Amino acid sequence: MAGNHHGHTPAAWTGVIISFIGFCVAGAFMVLANPLGFWAGMVITVLGGVVGMAMSAAGLGQPKGTHPPHKVASDS
């Protein structure tokens, strides 16, 4: 696993952090029984994915085709 670089990019970190904040906001407002705040948190959560994809498209994500080939264990 140490050689795997999946998700270690500014785009991935930013998207996950924004989504996590949205999840926390939605959870807090769900406990407070405030539907408007809950849905605002859900919008923030989805926005995290959109921001991550936009940053990846802008070149801040992992380049395509840089994944190492998958190794399959032999049945010896």
PDB file of N, CA and C in Angstrom:
ATOM      1  N   MET A   1       0.809  -1.193   0.000  1.00  0.00           N
ATOM      2  CA  MET A   1       0.000   0.000   0.000  1.00  0.00           C
ATOM      3  C   MET A   1       0.857   1.263   0.000  1.00  0.00           C
ATOM      4  N   ALA A   2       2.084   1.176   0.454  1.00  0.00           N
ATOM      5  CA  ALA A   2       2.908   2.369   0.550  1.00  0.00           C
ATOM      6  C   ALA A   2       3.201   2.968  -0.818  1.00  0.00           C
ATOM      7  N   GLY A   3       3.208   2.147  -1.867  1.00  0.00           N
ATOM      8  CA  GLY A   3       3.488   2.646  -3.194  1.00  0.00           C
ATOM      9  C   GLY A   3       2.268   3.211  -3.900  1.00  0.00           C
ATOM     10  N   ASN A   4       1.113   3.170  -3.268  1.00  0.00           N
ATOM     11  CA  ASN A   4      -0.117   3.641  -3.887  1.00  0.00           C
ATOM     12  C   ASN A   4      -0.274   5.134  -3.645  1.00  0.00           C
ATOM     13  N   HIS A   5      -0.472   5.900  -4.709  1.00  0.00           N
ATOM     14  CA  HIS A   5      -0.622   7.344  -4.590  1.00  0.00           C
ATOM     15  C   HIS A   5      -2.061   7.785  -4.804  1.00  0.00           C
ATOM     16  N   HIS A   6      -2.998   6.893  -4.653  1.00  0.00           N
ATOM     17  CA  HIS A   6      -4.399   7.203  -4.913  1.00  0.00           C
ATOM     18  C   HIS A   6      -4.912   8.227  -3.917  1.00  0.00           C
ATOM     19  N   GLY A   7      -5.315   9.380  -4.417  1.00  0.00           N
ATOM     20  CA  GLY A   7      -5.945  10.386  -3.570  1.00  0.00           C
ATOM     21  C   GLY A   7      -5.018  11.348  -2.886  1.00  0.00           C
ATOM     22  N   HIS A   8      -3.717  11.247  -3.108  1.00  0.00           N
ATOM     23  CA  HIS A   8      -2.784  12.151  -2.447  1.00  0.00           C
ATOM     24  C   HIS A   8      -2.493  13.354  -3.335  1.00  0.00           C
ATOM     25  N   THR A   9      -3.550  14.120  -3.630  1.00  0.00           N
ATOM     26  CA  THR A   9      -3.426  15.297  -4.474  1.00  0.00           C
ATOM     27  C   THR A   9      -4.189  16.449  -3.837  1.00  0.00           C
ATOM     28  N   PRO A  10      -3.863  17.682  -4.202  1.00  0.00           N
ATOM     29  CA  PRO A  10      -4.621  18.821  -3.666  1.00  0.00           C
ATOM     30  C   PRO A  10      -6.113  18.741  -3.998  1.00  0.00           C
ATOM     31  N   ALA A  11      -6.445  18.238  -5.183  1.00  0.00           N
ATOM     32  CA  ALA A  11      -7.856  18.125  -5.567  1.00  0.00           C
ATOM     33  C   ALA A  11      -8.593  17.155  -4.648  1.00  0.00           C
ATOM     34  N   ALA A  12      -7.985  16.030  -4.377  1.00  0.00           N
ATOM     35  CA  ALA A  12      -8.630  15.027  -3.518  1.00  0.00           C
ATOM     36  C   ALA A  12      -8.783  15.539  -2.087  1.00  0.00           C
ATOM     37  N   TRP A  13      -7.719  16.110  -1.549  1.00  0.00           N
ATOM     38  CA  TRP A  13      -7.785  16.600  -0.174  1.00  0.00           C
ATOM     39  C   TRP A  13      -8.811  17.720  -0.021  1.00  0.00           C
ATOM     40  N   THR A  14      -8.835  18.630  -0.962  1.00  0.00           N
ATOM     41  CA  THR A  14      -9.784  19.745  -0.883  1.00  0.00           C
ATOM     42  C   THR A  14     -11.214  19.249  -0.985  1.00  0.00           C
ATOM     43  N   GLY A  15     -11.484  18.357  -1.930  1.00  0.00           N
ATOM     44  CA  GLY A  15     -12.839  17.812  -2.081  1.00  0.00           C
ATOM     45  C   GLY A  15     -13.311  17.079  -0.842  1.00  0.00           C
ATOM     46  N   VAL A  16     -12.438  16.279  -0.255  1.00  0.00           N
ATOM     47  CA  VAL A  16     -12.814  15.517   0.937  1.00  0.00           C
ATOM     48  C   VAL A  16     -13.029  16.433   2.139  1.00  0.00           C
ATOM     49  N   ILE A  17     -12.179  17.428   2.300  1.00  0.00           N
ATOM     50  CA  ILE A  17     -12.329  18.340   3.445  1.00  0.00           C
ATOM     51  C   ILE A  17     -13.638  19.127   3.340  1.00  0.00           C
ATOM     52  N   ILE A  18     -13.948  19.637   2.144  1.00  0.00           N
ATOM     53  CA  ILE A  18     -15.208  20.370   1.971  1.00  0.00           C
ATOM     54  C   ILE A  18     -16.401  19.448   2.215  1.00  0.00           C
ATOM     55  N   SER A  19     -16.344  18.226   1.694  1.00  0.00           N
ATOM     56  CA  SER A  19     -17.441  17.272   1.904  1.00  0.00           C
ATOM     57  C   SER A  19     -17.597  16.916   3.379  1.00  0.00           C
ATOM     58  N   PHE A  20     -16.475  16.770   4.083  1.00  0.00           N
ATOM     59  CA  PHE A  20     -16.532  16.451   5.509  1.00  0.00           C
ATOM     60  C   PHE A  20     -17.170  17.598   6.301  1.00  0.00           C
ATOM     61  N   ILE A  21     -16.821  18.826   5.962  1.00  0.00           N
ATOM     62  CA  ILE A  21     -17.432  19.982   6.632  1.00  0.00           C
ATOM     63  C   ILE A  21     -18.934  20.000   6.368  1.00  0.00           C
ATOM     64  N   GLY A  22     -19.330  19.733   5.122  1.00  0.00           N
ATOM     65  CA  GLY A  22     -20.760  19.673   4.805  1.00  0.00           C
ATOM     66  C   GLY A  22     -21.474  18.571   5.568  1.00  0.00           C
ATOM     67  N   PHE A  23     -20.820  17.429   5.705  1.00  0.00           N
ATOM     68  CA  PHE A  23     -21.401  16.318   6.470  1.00  0.00           C
ATOM     69  C   PHE A  23     -21.587  16.721   7.932  1.00  0.00           C
ATOM     70  N   CYS A  24     -20.604  17.403   8.493  1.00  0.00           N
ATOM     71  CA  CYS A  24     -20.713  17.854   9.892  1.00  0.00           C
ATOM     72  C   CYS A  24     -21.827  18.889  10.063  1.00  0.00           C
ATOM     73  N   VAL A  25     -21.937  19.799   9.110  1.00  0.00           N
ATOM     74  CA  VAL A  25     -23.008  20.804   9.165  1.00  0.00           C
ATOM     75  C   VAL A  25     -24.371  20.119   9.089  1.00  0.00           C
ATOM     76  N   ALA A  26     -24.519  19.184   8.148  1.00  0.00           N
ATOM     77  CA  ALA A  26     -25.796  18.478   8.005  1.00  0.00           C
ATOM     78  C   ALA A  26     -26.122  17.683   9.266  1.00  0.00           C
ATOM     79  N   GLY A  27     -25.116  17.047   9.842  1.00  0.00           N
ATOM     80  CA  GLY A  27     -25.347  16.274  11.066  1.00  0.00           C
ATOM     81  C   GLY A  27     -25.764  17.151  12.236  1.00  0.00           C
ATOM     82  N   ALA A  28     -25.121  18.308  12.368  1.00  0.00           N
ATOM     83  CA  ALA A  28     -25.460  19.212  13.467  1.00  0.00           C
ATOM     84  C   ALA A  28     -26.887  19.728  13.323  1.00  0.00           C
ATOM     85  N   PHE A  29     -27.259  20.120  12.121  1.00  0.00           N
ATOM     86  CA  PHE A  29     -28.608  20.643  11.924  1.00  0.00           C
ATOM     87  C   PHE A  29     -29.667  19.540  11.978  1.00  0.00           C
ATOM     88  N   MET A  30     -29.274  18.303  11.699  1.00  0.00           N
ATOM     89  CA  MET A  30     -30.228  17.206  11.840  1.00  0.00           C
ATOM     90  C   MET A  30     -30.558  17.004  13.325  1.00  0.00           C
ATOM     91  N   VAL A  31     -29.534  17.079  14.168  1.00  0.00           N
ATOM     92  CA  VAL A  31     -29.757  16.954  15.611  1.00  0.00           C
ATOM     93  C   VAL A  31     -30.580  18.129  16.127  1.00  0.00           C
ATOM     94  N   LEU A  32     -30.374  19.309  15.560  1.00  0.00           N
ATOM     95  CA  LEU A  32     -31.122  20.495  15.979  1.00  0.00           C
ATOM     96  C   LEU A  32     -32.520  20.563  15.365  1.00  0.00           C
ATOM     97  N   ALA A  33     -32.877  19.572  14.563  1.00  0.00           N
ATOM     98  CA  ALA A  33     -34.191  19.484  13.911  1.00  0.00           C
ATOM     99  C   ALA A  33     -34.465  20.702  13.036  1.00  0.00           C
ATOM    100  N   ASN A  34     -33.470  21.089  12.256  1.00  0.00           N
ATOM    101  CA  ASN A  34     -33.593  22.226  11.354  1.00  0.00           C
ATOM    102  C   ASN A  34     -33.395  21.720   9.919  1.00  0.00           C
ATOM    103  N   PRO A  35     -34.500  21.453   9.196  1.00  0.00           N
ATOM    104  CA  PRO A  35     -34.371  20.891   7.841  1.00  0.00           C
ATOM    105  C   PRO A  35     -33.618  21.785   6.863  1.00  0.00           C
ATOM    106  N   LEU A  36     -33.784  23.096   6.960  1.00  0.00           N
ATOM    107  CA  LEU A  36     -33.100  23.995   6.037  1.00  0.00           C
ATOM    108  C   LEU A  36     -31.578  23.912   6.221  1.00  0.00           C
ATOM    109  N   GLY A  37     -31.134  23.895   7.452  1.00  0.00           N
ATOM    110  CA  GLY A  37     -29.699  23.765   7.728  1.00  0.00           C
ATOM    111  C   GLY A  37     -29.158  22.415   7.293  1.00  0.00           C
ATOM    112  N   PHE A  38     -29.960  21.364   7.476  1.00  0.00           N
ATOM    113  CA  PHE A  38     -29.557  20.027   7.026  1.00  0.00           C
ATOM    114  C   PHE A  38     -29.314  20.024   5.524  1.00  0.00           C
ATOM    115  N   TRP A  39     -30.263  20.578   4.763  1.00  0.00           N
ATOM    116  CA  TRP A  39     -30.110  20.579   3.306  1.00  0.00           C
ATOM    117  C   TRP A  39     -28.984  21.492   2.857  1.00  0.00           C
ATOM    118  N   ALA A  40     -28.724  22.553   3.600  1.00  0.00           N
ATOM    119  CA  ALA A  40     -27.567  23.396   3.295  1.00  0.00           C
ATOM    120  C   ALA A  40     -26.272  22.594   3.469  1.00  0.00           C
ATOM    121  N   GLY A  41     -26.210  21.791   4.506  1.00  0.00           N
ATOM    122  CA  GLY A  41     -25.052  20.925   4.710  1.00  0.00           C
ATOM    123  C   GLY A  41     -24.902  19.895   3.604  1.00  0.00           C
ATOM    124  N   MET A  42     -26.031  19.379   3.112  1.00  0.00           N
ATOM    125  CA  MET A  42     -25.971  18.413   2.017  1.00  0.00           C
ATOM    126  C   MET A  42     -25.477  19.082   0.733  1.00  0.00           C
ATOM    127  N   VAL A  43     -25.870  20.333   0.523  1.00  0.00           N
ATOM    128  CA  VAL A  43     -25.389  21.076  -0.649  1.00  0.00           C
ATOM    129  C   VAL A  43     -23.873  21.277  -0.541  1.00  0.00           C
ATOM    130  N   ILE A  44     -23.385  21.596   0.643  1.00  0.00           N
ATOM    131  CA  ILE A  44     -21.948  21.753   0.849  1.00  0.00           C
ATOM    132  C   ILE A  44     -21.229  20.433   0.578  1.00  0.00           C
ATOM    133  N   THR A  45     -21.820  19.324   1.005  1.00  0.00           N
ATOM    134  CA  THR A  45     -21.226  18.007   0.770  1.00  0.00           C
ATOM    135  C   THR A  45     -21.078  17.727  -0.721  1.00  0.00           C
ATOM    136  N   VAL A  46     -22.110  17.985  -1.485  1.00  0.00           N
ATOM    137  CA  VAL A  46     -22.054  17.771  -2.935  1.00  0.00           C
ATOM    138  C   VAL A  46     -21.074  18.756  -3.573  1.00  0.00           C
ATOM    139  N   LEU A  47     -21.032  19.974  -3.064  1.00  0.00           N
ATOM    140  CA  LEU A  47     -20.116  20.977  -3.573  1.00  0.00           C
ATOM    141  C   LEU A  47     -18.661  20.519  -3.437  1.00  0.00           C
ATOM    142  N   GLY A  48     -18.364  19.778  -2.390  1.00  0.00           N
ATOM    143  CA  GLY A  48     -17.009  19.246  -2.219  1.00  0.00           C
ATOM    144  C   GLY A  48     -16.606  18.349  -3.377  1.00  0.00           C
ATOM    145  N   GLY A  49     -17.528  17.507  -3.843  1.00  0.00           N
ATOM    146  CA  GLY A  49     -17.240  16.654  -4.989  1.00  0.00           C
ATOM    147  C   GLY A  49     -17.055  17.450  -6.266  1.00  0.00           C
ATOM    148  N   VAL A  50     -17.875  18.468  -6.434  1.00  0.00           N
ATOM    149  CA  VAL A  50     -17.769  19.316  -7.631  1.00  0.00           C
ATOM    150  C   VAL A  50     -16.439  20.065  -7.626  1.00  0.00           C
ATOM    151  N   VAL A  51     -16.052  20.615  -6.486  1.00  0.00           N
ATOM    152  CA  VAL A  51     -14.786  21.345  -6.385  1.00  0.00           C
ATOM    153  C   VAL A  51     -13.612  20.399  -6.644  1.00  0.00           C
ATOM    154  N   GLY A  52     -13.662  19.195  -6.087  1.00  0.00           N
ATOM    155  CA  GLY A  52     -12.594  18.220  -6.315  1.00  0.00           C
ATOM    156  C   GLY A  52     -12.455  17.860  -7.783  1.00  0.00           C
ATOM    157  N   MET A  53     -13.581  17.640  -8.465  1.00  0.00           N
ATOM    158  CA  MET A  53     -13.528  17.315  -9.892  1.00  0.00           C
ATOM    159  C   MET A  53     -13.027  18.500 -10.711  1.00  0.00           C
ATOM    160  N   ALA A  54     -13.448  19.713 -10.341  1.00  0.00           N
ATOM    161  CA  ALA A  54     -12.990  20.899 -11.071  1.00  0.00           C
ATOM    162  C   ALA A  54     -11.484  21.098 -10.889  1.00  0.00           C
ATOM    163  N   MET A  55     -10.991  20.899  -9.684  1.00  0.00           N
ATOM    164  CA  MET A  55      -9.561  21.028  -9.443  1.00  0.00           C
ATOM    165  C   MET A  55      -8.780  19.952 -10.181  1.00  0.00           C
ATOM    166  N   SER A  56      -9.331  18.758 -10.238  1.00  0.00           N
ATOM    167  CA  SER A  56      -8.680  17.676 -10.973  1.00  0.00           C
ATOM    168  C   SER A  56      -8.623  17.996 -12.463  1.00  0.00           C
ATOM    169  N   ALA A  57      -9.703  18.560 -12.989  1.00  0.00           N
ATOM    170  CA  ALA A  57      -9.728  18.946 -14.394  1.00  0.00           C
ATOM    171  C   ALA A  57      -8.761  20.095 -14.671  1.00  0.00           C
ATOM    172  N   ALA A  58      -8.488  20.914 -13.669  1.00  0.00           N
ATOM    173  CA  ALA A  58      -7.561  22.031 -13.820  1.00  0.00           C
ATOM    174  C   ALA A  58      -6.108  21.594 -13.677  1.00  0.00           C
ATOM    175  N   GLY A  59      -5.882  20.299 -13.454  1.00  0.00           N
ATOM    176  CA  GLY A  59      -4.516  19.793 -13.389  1.00  0.00           C
ATOM    177  C   GLY A  59      -3.974  19.587 -11.995  1.00  0.00           C
ATOM    178  N   LEU A  60      -4.807  19.717 -10.961  1.00  0.00           N
ATOM    179  CA  LEU A  60      -4.339  19.541  -9.592  1.00  0.00           C
ATOM    180  C   LEU A  60      -4.601  18.140  -9.047  1.00  0.00           C
ATOM    181  N   GLY A  61      -5.106  17.260  -9.898  1.00  0.00           N
ATOM    182  CA  GLY A  61      -5.357  15.875  -9.500  1.00  0.00           C
ATOM    183  C   GLY A  61      -4.259  14.971 -10.013  1.00  0.00           C
ATOM    184  N   GLN A  62      -4.442  13.681  -9.831  1.00  0.00           N
ATOM    185  CA  GLN A  62      -3.466  12.716 -10.315  1.00  0.00           C
ATOM    186  C   GLN A  62      -3.587  12.590 -11.830  1.00  0.00           C
ATOM    187  N   PRO A  63      -2.470  12.679 -12.556  1.00  0.00           N
ATOM    188  CA  PRO A  63      -2.532  12.558 -14.012  1.00  0.00           C
ATOM    189  C   PRO A  63      -3.057  11.195 -14.435  1.00  0.00           C
ATOM    190  N   LYS A  64      -3.762  11.163 -15.541  1.00  0.00           N
ATOM    191  CA  LYS A  64      -4.290   9.910 -16.068  1.00  0.00           C
ATOM    192  C   LYS A  64      -3.140   9.046 -16.562  1.00  0.00           C
ATOM    193  N   GLY A  65      -3.263   7.746 -16.362  1.00  0.00           N
ATOM    194  CA  GLY A  65      -2.272   6.811 -16.876  1.00  0.00           C
ATOM    195  C   GLY A  65      -1.024   6.669 -16.030  1.00  0.00           C
ATOM    196  N   THR A  66      -1.017   7.193 -14.805  1.00  0.00           N
ATOM    197  CA  THR A  66       0.177   7.068 -13.964  1.00  0.00           C
ATOM    198  C   THR A  66       0.058   5.942 -12.958  1.00  0.00           C
ATOM    199  N   HIS A  67      -1.029   5.198 -13.024  1.00  0.00           N
ATOM    200  CA  HIS A  67      -1.212   4.100 -12.088  1.00  0.00           C
ATOM    201  C   HIS A  67      -0.290   2.948 -12.452  1.00  0.00           C
ATOM    202  N   PRO A  68       0.387   2.338 -11.471  1.00  0.00           N
ATOM    203  CA  PRO A  68       1.233   1.189 -11.780  1.00  0.00           C
ATOM    204  C   PRO A  68       0.365  -0.007 -12.175  1.00  0.00           C
ATOM    205  N   PRO A  69       0.903  -0.923 -12.975  1.00  0.00           N
ATOM    206  CA  PRO A  69       0.108  -2.095 -13.360  1.00  0.00           C
ATOM    207  C   PRO A  69      -0.254  -2.934 -12.142  1.00  0.00           C
ATOM    208  N   HIS A  70      -1.426  -3.506 -12.178  1.00  0.00           N
ATOM    209  CA  HIS A  70      -1.906  -4.342 -11.075  1.00  0.00           C
ATOM    210  C   HIS A  70      -1.177  -5.672 -11.078  1.00  0.00           C
ATOM    211  N   LYS A  71      -0.630  -6.062  -9.940  1.00  0.00           N
ATOM    212  CA  LYS A  71       0.091  -7.330  -9.829  1.00  0.00           C
ATOM    213  C   LYS A  71      -0.826  -8.377  -9.253  1.00  0.00           C
ATOM    214  N   VAL A  72      -0.869  -9.530  -9.891  1.00  0.00           N
ATOM    215  CA  VAL A  72      -1.696 -10.639  -9.430  1.00  0.00           C
ATOM    216  C   VAL A  72      -0.784 -11.705  -8.842  1.00  0.00           C
ATOM    217  N   ALA A  73      -1.120 -12.167  -7.654  1.00  0.00           N
ATOM    218  CA  ALA A  73      -0.327 -13.216  -7.018  1.00  0.00           C
ATOM    219  C   ALA A  73      -0.457 -14.521  -7.788  1.00  0.00           C
ATOM    220  N   SER A  74       0.653 -15.216  -7.949  1.00  0.00           N
ATOM    221  CA  SER A  74       0.611 -16.487  -8.678  1.00  0.00           C
ATOM    222  C   SER A  74       0.125 -17.585  -7.748  1.00  0.00           C
ATOM    223  N   ASP A  75      -0.479 -18.601  -8.329  1.00  0.00           N
ATOM    224  CA  ASP A  75      -1.013 -19.726  -7.552  1.00  0.00           C
ATOM    225  C   ASP A  75       0.005 -20.853  -7.480  1.00  0.00           C
ATOM    226  N   SER A  76       1.220 -20.603  -7.037  1.00  0.00           N
ATOM    227  CA  SER A  76       2.270 -21.616  -6.989  1.00  0.00           C
ATOM    228  C   SER A  76       2.146 -22.447  -5.748  1.00  0.00           C
TER     229      SER A  76
END
